[in-house]
Each structure stands twice: as structure tokens, then as C-alpha cells.
Amino acid sequence: MYSIGIANNWIFDDFMIEQGCAVFSFDPSMEGVTKHKRHPNHLFEPIGIGTVDGIHTGESTLYGQKTNYEVETLDHLMKRHGHTHLSMVRMDVESAEWDVLEQWIAKGWIERMDQLLLEIHMWKRGDEKRHSRILHSIPMELFHSARNQFDGSLLHGDMTRVYEMGWRTKGG
């Protein structure tokens, strides 16, 4: 499983390791944390997810607002690690998920995974139609949706800006 966006919170990654999963964690925001293994079934790399391989030079999407960080596409990460299919991808990338999800859908990369767990961020006003289109285009079955308990700011009515969402392969 791939865990993208850690921000020094290893709870989910450690739980999955305890379940016997091989976990690959990626996050370029953690200062001073270099490539390492925290367990025989774990690998951490200080790399972000992106729509191109290279250095992300635009507006930071990282929790700590770091800029000029290395990013790779999902396709490149999977090829580099010898993976053709992922049981699970967990991603919390502070609003960078939208461009990444559009690419994954367009290229069919979501079909390479059994489960997709996201923290979605709807911070930018005016992008609501885009967000809805992307979420409804995910070719999986939504099995979980809940407001993020740490962001209570409202978009409309009782709808908050941040949600935890989970999809699985249809019929899975």
C-alpha cells in the first residue's frame, strides 16, 4: 500500500504494517527526514505526488508550506518500485489531490488499485463544480464519507471544507 502525505503522523502506516502489509510512505514536507525503513515491511521516501516528475516549483501544497520539493507521478513511483497493482492508496496532500486525481482518472491509474482513501480539501472557492466532477468520475464505489473533525469551517449549510473519503473497487 502507498501512503502519500504523512506530516510526521505514522498511525495509519504503522497500523497497516501491523496487519502484515508492505507500506511505502511518501512526503517531502518532513524536515530532516530522509529515505529510510522504519520496519522490514516499510519504506519512507521524502517525495511528493505530482502530475509530472521533477521539482514542484509552484504554490506549496504541503502542510508546512515548504517549496521546491521533489515530486513523482503515481506511474513512476509504481514502476520504480516494481508494482503493477496496489491494494490501497491513502492520500492526504493538502489540496494537491485535485490535479493528481484528474490525471489518475484520465490515465486509468485508479484501476490499478483496490482501495483509495482520501482526505479531500475544498479550500478554493469557485472550484466546487470541478471537485464534484472529479469525485463523481472516480471509477470505484464510495464506501465512506465523513467530515474531517479538525476543520469546522463551512462551505455551504453544514458542509465543511475537508472530508475523509474511501472508495473500493466496485463489487469488492
Protein backbone atom coordinates (compact mmCIF):
# COMPACT_ATOMS: atom_id res chain seq x y z
CA MET A 1 0.00 0.00 0.00
CA TYR A 2 1.07 3.57 -0.66
CA SER A 3 0.63 6.25 1.99
CA ILE A 4 1.07 9.71 0.47
CA GLY A 5 1.30 12.71 2.81
CA ILE A 6 2.45 11.77 6.32
CA ALA A 7 3.24 15.05 8.16
CA ASN A 8 5.01 13.03 10.91
CA ASN A 9 1.82 11.08 11.69
CA TRP A 10 2.63 7.39 11.31
CA ILE A 11 -0.54 5.96 12.95
CA PHE A 12 -2.14 4.63 9.75
CA ASP A 13 1.14 3.41 8.25
CA ASP A 14 2.06 1.57 11.47
CA PHE A 15 -1.40 0.01 11.69
CA MET A 16 -1.11 -1.31 8.13
CA ILE A 17 2.37 -2.71 8.86
CA GLU A 18 0.89 -4.49 11.92
CA GLN A 19 -1.72 -6.03 9.57
CA GLY A 20 1.12 -7.54 7.51
CA CYS A 21 1.09 -5.02 4.64
CA ALA A 22 4.14 -3.72 2.84
CA VAL A 23 3.86 0.06 3.21
CA PHE A 24 5.53 2.69 1.06
CA SER A 25 5.23 6.19 2.58
CA PHE A 26 5.90 9.42 0.69
CA ASP A 27 6.13 13.00 1.99
CA PRO A 28 8.59 15.77 1.11
CA SER A 29 7.44 18.12 3.91
CA MET A 30 9.12 16.48 6.88
CA GLU A 31 12.29 18.47 7.55
CA GLY A 32 15.38 16.36 8.12
CA VAL A 33 13.64 13.04 7.40
CA THR A 34 15.49 11.15 4.69
CA LYS A 35 14.79 7.89 2.88
CA HIS A 36 14.66 5.10 5.47
CA LYS A 37 12.93 1.93 6.64
CA ARG A 38 11.01 2.07 9.91
CA HIS A 39 10.26 -1.68 9.71
CA PRO A 40 11.25 -4.53 7.37
CA ASN A 41 7.86 -4.05 5.59
CA HIS A 42 8.19 -0.26 5.32
CA LEU A 43 9.97 2.31 3.16
CA PHE A 44 9.77 6.08 3.51
CA GLU A 45 10.87 8.47 0.79
CA PRO A 46 10.81 12.30 1.02
CA ILE A 47 8.99 12.64 -2.32
CA GLY A 48 5.62 14.21 -3.09
CA ILE A 49 2.96 13.08 -5.54
CA GLY A 50 2.58 15.12 -8.69
CA THR A 51 1.35 15.14 -12.27
CA VAL A 52 4.96 15.30 -13.55
CA ASP A 53 8.31 14.04 -12.31
CA GLY A 54 10.75 16.67 -11.08
CA ILE A 55 10.78 19.64 -8.74
CA HIS A 56 7.48 21.24 -7.77
CA THR A 57 8.13 24.97 -8.06
CA GLY A 58 4.60 26.39 -7.83
CA GLU A 59 2.49 27.19 -4.81
CA SER A 60 3.19 24.81 -1.94
CA THR A 61 0.58 22.17 -1.18
CA LEU A 62 2.47 20.91 1.87
CA TYR A 63 1.32 21.22 5.47
CA GLY A 64 4.48 23.18 6.37
CA GLN A 65 4.41 25.32 3.19
CA LYS A 66 7.84 24.07 2.04
CA THR A 67 8.58 24.93 -1.61
CA ASN A 68 10.78 23.43 -4.38
CA TYR A 69 10.31 19.78 -3.44
CA GLU A 70 10.68 16.59 -5.47
CA VAL A 71 7.54 15.02 -6.90
CA GLU A 72 6.80 11.93 -8.97
CA THR A 73 3.73 10.62 -10.73
CA LEU A 74 1.97 7.53 -9.41
CA ASP A 75 3.00 5.70 -12.57
CA HIS A 76 6.68 6.49 -11.99
CA LEU A 77 6.55 5.54 -8.30
CA MET A 78 4.93 2.21 -9.15
CA LYS A 79 7.40 1.43 -11.94
CA ARG A 80 10.38 2.41 -9.81
CA HIS A 81 9.24 0.10 -7.02
CA GLY A 82 8.20 -2.73 -9.36
CA HIS A 83 4.46 -2.53 -8.63
CA THR A 84 1.73 -3.09 -11.20
CA HIS A 85 -1.17 -3.07 -8.71
CA LEU A 86 -1.78 -1.58 -5.25
CA SER A 87 -4.12 -2.94 -2.61
CA MET A 88 -4.57 0.54 -1.15
CA VAL A 89 -3.58 4.15 -1.67
CA ARG A 90 -4.06 6.62 1.20
CA MET A 91 -3.52 10.25 0.26
CA ASP A 92 -3.62 13.49 2.27
CA VAL A 93 -1.86 16.16 0.22
CA GLU A 94 -3.44 19.43 1.34
CA SER A 95 -5.40 20.22 -1.86
CA ALA A 96 -2.89 18.84 -4.39
CA GLU A 97 -5.23 15.86 -4.76
CA TRP A 98 -7.38 17.52 -7.43
CA ASP A 99 -4.80 17.69 -10.25
CA VAL A 100 -3.45 14.28 -9.26
CA LEU A 101 -6.90 12.66 -9.22
CA GLU A 102 -7.73 14.15 -12.64
CA GLN A 103 -4.56 12.57 -14.03
CA TRP A 104 -5.19 9.20 -12.36
CA ILE A 105 -8.73 9.10 -13.79
CA ALA A 106 -7.68 10.22 -17.28
CA LYS A 107 -4.81 7.71 -17.48
CA GLY A 108 -6.73 4.82 -15.88
CA TRP A 109 -4.27 4.59 -12.98
CA ILE A 110 -7.04 4.32 -10.36
CA GLU A 111 -7.90 0.97 -11.95
CA ARG A 112 -4.53 -0.27 -10.63
CA MET A 113 -5.75 -0.06 -7.02
CA ASP A 114 -8.32 -1.86 -4.89
CA GLN A 115 -8.97 0.93 -2.38
CA LEU A 116 -8.48 4.69 -2.39
CA LEU A 117 -8.59 6.61 0.89
CA LEU A 118 -8.51 10.41 0.61
CA GLU A 119 -8.63 13.48 2.73
CA ILE A 120 -10.14 15.98 0.30
CA HIS A 121 -9.67 19.73 0.71
CA MET A 122 -12.14 22.14 -0.82
CA TRP A 123 -10.41 25.34 0.23
CA LYS A 124 -10.55 27.28 -3.03
CA ARG A 125 -13.94 28.87 -3.64
CA GLY A 126 -15.23 28.56 -7.19
CA ASP A 127 -13.85 25.04 -7.73
CA GLU A 128 -16.96 23.25 -6.45
CA LYS A 129 -18.08 22.03 -9.89
CA ARG A 130 -14.59 20.73 -10.66
CA HIS A 131 -14.40 18.94 -7.30
CA SER A 132 -17.81 17.34 -7.86
CA ARG A 133 -16.90 16.25 -11.41
CA ILE A 134 -13.64 14.66 -10.24
CA LEU A 135 -15.21 12.85 -7.28
CA HIS A 136 -18.06 11.52 -9.40
CA SER A 137 -15.56 10.34 -12.05
CA ILE A 138 -13.67 8.03 -9.70
CA PRO A 139 -14.42 4.58 -11.17
CA MET A 140 -14.87 2.97 -7.78
CA GLU A 141 -17.61 2.53 -5.19
CA LEU A 142 -17.73 5.12 -2.38
CA PHE A 143 -17.94 3.29 0.94
CA HIS A 144 -17.07 6.04 3.42
CA SER A 145 -17.51 9.80 3.71
CA ALA A 146 -17.16 11.87 6.89
CA ARG A 147 -16.39 15.44 7.81
CA ASN A 148 -12.84 15.99 8.99
CA GLN A 149 -13.10 16.60 12.73
CA PHE A 150 -10.28 19.18 12.71
CA ASP A 151 -11.70 21.62 10.12
CA GLY A 152 -15.07 23.02 11.07
CA SER A 153 -15.15 25.89 8.57
CA LEU A 154 -18.30 25.75 6.49
CA LEU A 155 -18.67 25.97 2.71
CA HIS A 156 -22.44 25.83 2.50
CA GLY A 157 -25.04 24.88 5.05
CA ASP A 158 -23.43 22.20 7.23
CA MET A 159 -20.89 21.16 4.55
CA THR A 160 -17.29 21.63 5.67
CA ARG A 161 -14.18 22.18 3.52
CA VAL A 162 -12.38 18.93 4.44
CA TYR A 163 -13.71 15.34 4.25
CA GLU A 164 -12.34 11.85 4.74
CA MET A 165 -13.49 9.60 1.90
CA GLY A 166 -12.95 5.98 0.93
CA TRP A 167 -13.55 4.10 -2.32
CA ARG A 168 -13.13 0.44 -3.25
CA THR A 169 -13.32 -1.45 -6.49
CA LYS A 170 -16.93 -1.99 -7.48
CA GLY A 171 -18.26 -5.20 -6.05
CA GLY A 172 -15.11 -5.53 -3.93
